[in-house]
Amino acid sequence: MNRLIKFCFIACLAFVFNAQSEEMQGAQYKELGPWQVHYIAFPSTFIQPKIATAYNLERSGYKGVVNISILKNDADKTAQTATLTGTAKNLLGNKQTLTFKEVKEGDSIYYLAQVNYTNEEILRFEIEIQQSNQFQKLQFQQKFYVD
């Protein structure tokens, strides 16, 4: 099984976990201008150790992964490259800067960042997406639990 399939499998497991929680905020994608932006945030411990090593991700009960993919909002839904910058802020206003790294595998492109959290902490994400002269802002929140 190649790495992308494994990573998508892990992300799907995280989605199922989140879908069962009371904190579920609805669909895991938003249509922003010319794009369909898919997003998920989940504990890094959901990722197998070999996968985490391959993507240079730290596995920890206090560290999450943010995974974002941007598709052209048309019939083809082709993956898009972009520049992502963003922050995660807790309810007290403490802010973390997100550093995204681009991952390309075949026709797939996605962006990964890690974030620190404490048990039952709600983080509000604000992510700016830029491609040429096009700018959009993705906002969502996620509640994290320590394993």
C-alpha atoms as a PDB file:
ATOM      1  CA  MET A   1       0.000   0.000   0.000  1.00  0.00           C
ATOM      2  CA  ASN A   2       1.595   3.312  -0.972  1.00  0.00           C
ATOM      3  CA  ARG A   3       2.015   6.181   1.493  1.00  0.00           C
ATOM      4  CA  LEU A   4      -0.806   8.319   0.089  1.00  0.00           C
ATOM      5  CA  ILE A   5      -3.332   5.519   0.442  1.00  0.00           C
ATOM      6  CA  LYS A   6      -2.128   4.838   3.988  1.00  0.00           C
ATOM      7  CA  PHE A   7      -2.291   8.522   4.907  1.00  0.00           C
ATOM      8  CA  CYS A   8      -5.773   8.890   3.397  1.00  0.00           C
ATOM      9  CA  PHE A   9      -6.853   5.793   5.336  1.00  0.00           C
ATOM     10  CA  ILE A  10      -5.601   7.360   8.564  1.00  0.00           C
ATOM     11  CA  ALA A  11      -7.309  10.661   7.715  1.00  0.00           C
ATOM     12  CA  CYS A  12     -10.560   8.798   7.038  1.00  0.00           C
ATOM     13  CA  LEU A  13     -10.290   7.085  10.420  1.00  0.00           C
ATOM     14  CA  ALA A  14      -9.821  10.479  12.019  1.00  0.00           C
ATOM     15  CA  PHE A  15     -12.859  11.760  10.136  1.00  0.00           C
ATOM     16  CA  VAL A  16     -14.985   8.843  11.399  1.00  0.00           C
ATOM     17  CA  PHE A  17     -13.744   9.496  14.947  1.00  0.00           C
ATOM     18  CA  ASN A  18     -14.632  13.184  14.634  1.00  0.00           C
ATOM     19  CA  ALA A  19     -17.981  12.446  13.017  1.00  0.00           C
ATOM     20  CA  GLN A  20     -18.956  10.406  16.059  1.00  0.00           C
ATOM     21  CA  SER A  21     -17.981  13.144  18.508  1.00  0.00           C
ATOM     22  CA  GLU A  22     -20.366  15.817  19.702  1.00  0.00           C
ATOM     23  CA  GLU A  23     -17.965  18.479  18.458  1.00  0.00           C
ATOM     24  CA  MET A  24     -18.579  17.685  14.774  1.00  0.00           C
ATOM     25  CA  GLN A  25     -19.045  20.956  12.908  1.00  0.00           C
ATOM     26  CA  GLY A  26     -20.523  19.587   9.655  1.00  0.00           C
ATOM     27  CA  ALA A  27     -18.859  18.926   6.320  1.00  0.00           C
ATOM     28  CA  GLN A  28     -15.088  18.717   6.180  1.00  0.00           C
ATOM     29  CA  TYR A  29     -14.775  20.929   3.123  1.00  0.00           C
ATOM     30  CA  LYS A  30     -15.711  24.441   2.183  1.00  0.00           C
ATOM     31  CA  GLU A  31     -16.161  26.087  -1.168  1.00  0.00           C
ATOM     32  CA  LEU A  32     -13.976  29.186  -1.172  1.00  0.00           C
ATOM     33  CA  GLY A  33     -13.961  31.194  -4.392  1.00  0.00           C
ATOM     34  CA  PRO A  34     -12.552  29.034  -7.189  1.00  0.00           C
ATOM     35  CA  TRP A  35     -11.630  26.184  -4.832  1.00  0.00           C
ATOM     36  CA  GLN A  36     -13.086  23.327  -2.875  1.00  0.00           C
ATOM     37  CA  VAL A  37     -10.917  23.187   0.263  1.00  0.00           C
ATOM     38  CA  HIS A  38     -10.887  19.897   2.177  1.00  0.00           C
ATOM     39  CA  TYR A  39      -9.570  19.963   5.728  1.00  0.00           C
ATOM     40  CA  ILE A  40      -9.161  17.788   8.774  1.00  0.00           C
ATOM     41  CA  ALA A  41      -7.352  18.140  12.112  1.00  0.00           C
ATOM     42  CA  PHE A  42      -6.679  15.091  14.274  1.00  0.00           C
ATOM     43  CA  PRO A  43      -4.269  13.740  16.916  1.00  0.00           C
ATOM     44  CA  SER A  44      -0.883  12.747  15.527  1.00  0.00           C
ATOM     45  CA  THR A  45      -1.147   9.424  17.362  1.00  0.00           C
ATOM     46  CA  PHE A  46      -3.698   8.333  14.729  1.00  0.00           C
ATOM     47  CA  ILE A  47      -0.794   8.047  12.288  1.00  0.00           C
ATOM     48  CA  GLN A  48       1.282   4.868  12.204  1.00  0.00           C
ATOM     49  CA  PRO A  49       4.931   5.432  13.270  1.00  0.00           C
ATOM     50  CA  LYS A  50       6.320   4.564   9.800  1.00  0.00           C
ATOM     51  CA  ILE A  51       3.949   6.998   8.127  1.00  0.00           C
ATOM     52  CA  ALA A  52       4.833   9.750  10.627  1.00  0.00           C
ATOM     53  CA  THR A  53       8.533   9.189   9.962  1.00  0.00           C
ATOM     54  CA  ALA A  54       8.000   9.276   6.194  1.00  0.00           C
ATOM     55  CA  TYR A  55       6.211  12.644   6.465  1.00  0.00           C
ATOM     56  CA  ASN A  56       8.531  13.996   9.171  1.00  0.00           C
ATOM     57  CA  LEU A  57       5.619  14.339  11.620  1.00  0.00           C
ATOM     58  CA  GLU A  58       6.009  14.084  15.372  1.00  0.00           C
ATOM     59  CA  ARG A  59       3.698  11.593  17.068  1.00  0.00           C
ATOM     60  CA  SER A  60       2.620  12.787  20.503  1.00  0.00           C
ATOM     61  CA  GLY A  61      -0.495  12.728  22.646  1.00  0.00           C
ATOM     62  CA  TYR A  62      -0.252  16.530  22.721  1.00  0.00           C
ATOM     63  CA  LYS A  63       0.350  17.217  19.037  1.00  0.00           C
ATOM     64  CA  GLY A  64      -2.170  17.287  16.201  1.00  0.00           C
ATOM     65  CA  VAL A  65      -1.973  17.230  12.423  1.00  0.00           C
ATOM     66  CA  VAL A  66      -3.789  19.621  10.106  1.00  0.00           C
ATOM     67  CA  ASN A  67      -4.265  18.243   6.585  1.00  0.00           C
ATOM     68  CA  ILE A  68      -5.588  20.519   3.831  1.00  0.00           C
ATOM     69  CA  SER A  69      -6.095  19.868   0.144  1.00  0.00           C
ATOM     70  CA  ILE A  70      -7.265  22.386  -2.422  1.00  0.00           C
ATOM     71  CA  LEU A  71      -9.181  21.321  -5.508  1.00  0.00           C
ATOM     72  CA  LYS A  72     -10.311  23.438  -8.413  1.00  0.00           C
ATOM     73  CA  ASN A  73     -14.042  23.936  -7.958  1.00  0.00           C
ATOM     74  CA  ASP A  74     -15.079  22.545 -11.322  1.00  0.00           C
ATOM     75  CA  ALA A  75     -16.085  19.167 -12.773  1.00  0.00           C
ATOM     76  CA  ASP A  76     -12.464  17.926 -12.895  1.00  0.00           C
ATOM     77  CA  LYS A  77     -11.609  18.807  -9.247  1.00  0.00           C
ATOM     78  CA  THR A  78      -7.893  18.958 -10.065  1.00  0.00           C
ATOM     79  CA  ALA A  79      -5.480  19.391  -7.149  1.00  0.00           C
ATOM     80  CA  GLN A  80      -4.104  22.903  -6.780  1.00  0.00           C
ATOM     81  CA  THR A  81      -0.815  24.232  -5.491  1.00  0.00           C
ATOM     82  CA  ALA A  82      -0.997  27.252  -3.221  1.00  0.00           C
ATOM     83  CA  THR A  83       0.764  29.020  -0.401  1.00  0.00           C
ATOM     84  CA  LEU A  84      -0.798  28.437   3.014  1.00  0.00           C
ATOM     85  CA  THR A  85      -0.172  30.446   6.165  1.00  0.00           C
ATOM     86  CA  GLY A  86      -2.197  30.309   9.316  1.00  0.00           C
ATOM     87  CA  THR A  87      -2.703  30.245  13.025  1.00  0.00           C
ATOM     88  CA  ALA A  88      -4.420  28.138  15.640  1.00  0.00           C
ATOM     89  CA  LYS A  89      -5.837  30.002  18.619  1.00  0.00           C
ATOM     90  CA  ASN A  90      -7.324  28.558  21.798  1.00  0.00           C
ATOM     91  CA  LEU A  91     -10.245  30.066  23.698  1.00  0.00           C
ATOM     92  CA  LEU A  92      -7.858  32.055  25.909  1.00  0.00           C
ATOM     93  CA  GLY A  93      -6.380  33.714  22.839  1.00  0.00           C
ATOM     94  CA  ASN A  94      -3.043  31.875  22.895  1.00  0.00           C
ATOM     95  CA  LYS A  95      -1.875  31.686  19.297  1.00  0.00           C
ATOM     96  CA  GLN A  96       0.335  29.221  17.427  1.00  0.00           C
ATOM     97  CA  THR A  97       1.700  29.854  13.963  1.00  0.00           C
ATOM     98  CA  LEU A  98       1.139  26.956  11.571  1.00  0.00           C
ATOM     99  CA  THR A  99       3.954  25.949   9.235  1.00  0.00           C
ATOM    100  CA  PHE A 100       2.624  24.014   6.261  1.00  0.00           C
ATOM    101  CA  LYS A 101       4.648  21.661   4.123  1.00  0.00           C
ATOM    102  CA  GLU A 102       3.481  20.644   0.686  1.00  0.00           C
ATOM    103  CA  VAL A 103       3.237  16.942  -0.130  1.00  0.00           C
ATOM    104  CA  LYS A 104       2.869  15.790  -3.740  1.00  0.00           C
ATOM    105  CA  GLU A 105       2.156  12.182  -4.608  1.00  0.00           C
ATOM    106  CA  GLY A 106       1.005  11.509  -8.128  1.00  0.00           C
ATOM    107  CA  ASP A 107      -1.901  13.823  -8.918  1.00  0.00           C
ATOM    108  CA  SER A 108      -2.542  14.514  -5.228  1.00  0.00           C
ATOM    109  CA  ILE A 109      -1.318  17.617  -3.418  1.00  0.00           C
ATOM    110  CA  TYR A 110      -1.909  18.274   0.231  1.00  0.00           C
ATOM    111  CA  TYR A 111      -0.538  20.512   2.950  1.00  0.00           C
ATOM    112  CA  LEU A 112       0.416  19.344   6.444  1.00  0.00           C
ATOM    113  CA  ALA A 113       1.072  21.296   9.626  1.00  0.00           C
ATOM    114  CA  GLN A 114       1.338  20.326  13.260  1.00  0.00           C
ATOM    115  CA  VAL A 115      -0.222  21.987  16.265  1.00  0.00           C
ATOM    116  CA  ASN A 116       0.153  21.583  20.029  1.00  0.00           C
ATOM    117  CA  TYR A 117      -2.870  21.099  22.291  1.00  0.00           C
ATOM    118  CA  THR A 118      -3.965  20.109  25.793  1.00  0.00           C
ATOM    119  CA  ASN A 119      -6.804  17.789  26.766  1.00  0.00           C
ATOM    120  CA  GLU A 120     -10.250  18.959  25.651  1.00  0.00           C
ATOM    121  CA  GLU A 121      -8.757  22.093  24.109  1.00  0.00           C
ATOM    122  CA  ILE A 122     -10.696  23.805  21.352  1.00  0.00           C
ATOM    123  CA  LEU A 123      -8.528  25.368  18.684  1.00  0.00           C
ATOM    124  CA  ARG A 124      -9.802  27.879  16.139  1.00  0.00           C
ATOM    125  CA  PHE A 125      -7.931  27.732  12.864  1.00  0.00           C
ATOM    126  CA  GLU A 126      -7.518  30.636  10.437  1.00  0.00           C
ATOM    127  CA  ILE A 127      -5.682  29.678   7.288  1.00  0.00           C
ATOM    128  CA  GLU A 128      -4.968  32.005   4.397  1.00  0.00           C
ATOM    129  CA  ILE A 129      -4.696  30.386   1.005  1.00  0.00           C
ATOM    130  CA  GLN A 130      -2.957  32.228  -1.817  1.00  0.00           C
ATOM    131  CA  GLN A 131      -2.543  31.275  -5.451  1.00  0.00           C
ATOM    132  CA  SER A 132      -1.264  34.033  -7.736  1.00  0.00           C
ATOM    133  CA  ASN A 133      -3.586  36.993  -7.064  1.00  0.00           C
ATOM    134  CA  GLN A 134      -6.361  34.854  -5.525  1.00  0.00           C
ATOM    135  CA  PHE A 135      -6.742  34.922  -1.707  1.00  0.00           C
ATOM    136  CA  GLN A 136      -9.210  33.019   0.463  1.00  0.00           C
ATOM    137  CA  LYS A 137      -9.471  32.392   4.204  1.00  0.00           C
ATOM    138  CA  LEU A 138     -10.417  29.029   5.699  1.00  0.00           C
ATOM    139  CA  GLN A 139     -11.773  29.085   9.250  1.00  0.00           C
ATOM    140  CA  PHE A 140     -12.771  26.109  11.380  1.00  0.00           C
ATOM    141  CA  GLN A 141     -12.420  24.821  14.902  1.00  0.00           C
ATOM    142  CA  GLN A 142     -11.570  21.458  16.396  1.00  0.00           C
ATOM    143  CA  LYS A 143     -11.673  20.045  19.903  1.00  0.00           C
ATOM    144  CA  PHE A 144      -8.712  17.795  20.755  1.00  0.00           C
ATOM    145  CA  TYR A 145      -8.392  15.083  23.368  1.00  0.00           C
ATOM    146  CA  VAL A 146      -5.214  13.665  24.884  1.00  0.00           C
ATOM    147  CA  ASP A 147      -4.929   9.881  24.512  1.00  0.00           C
END
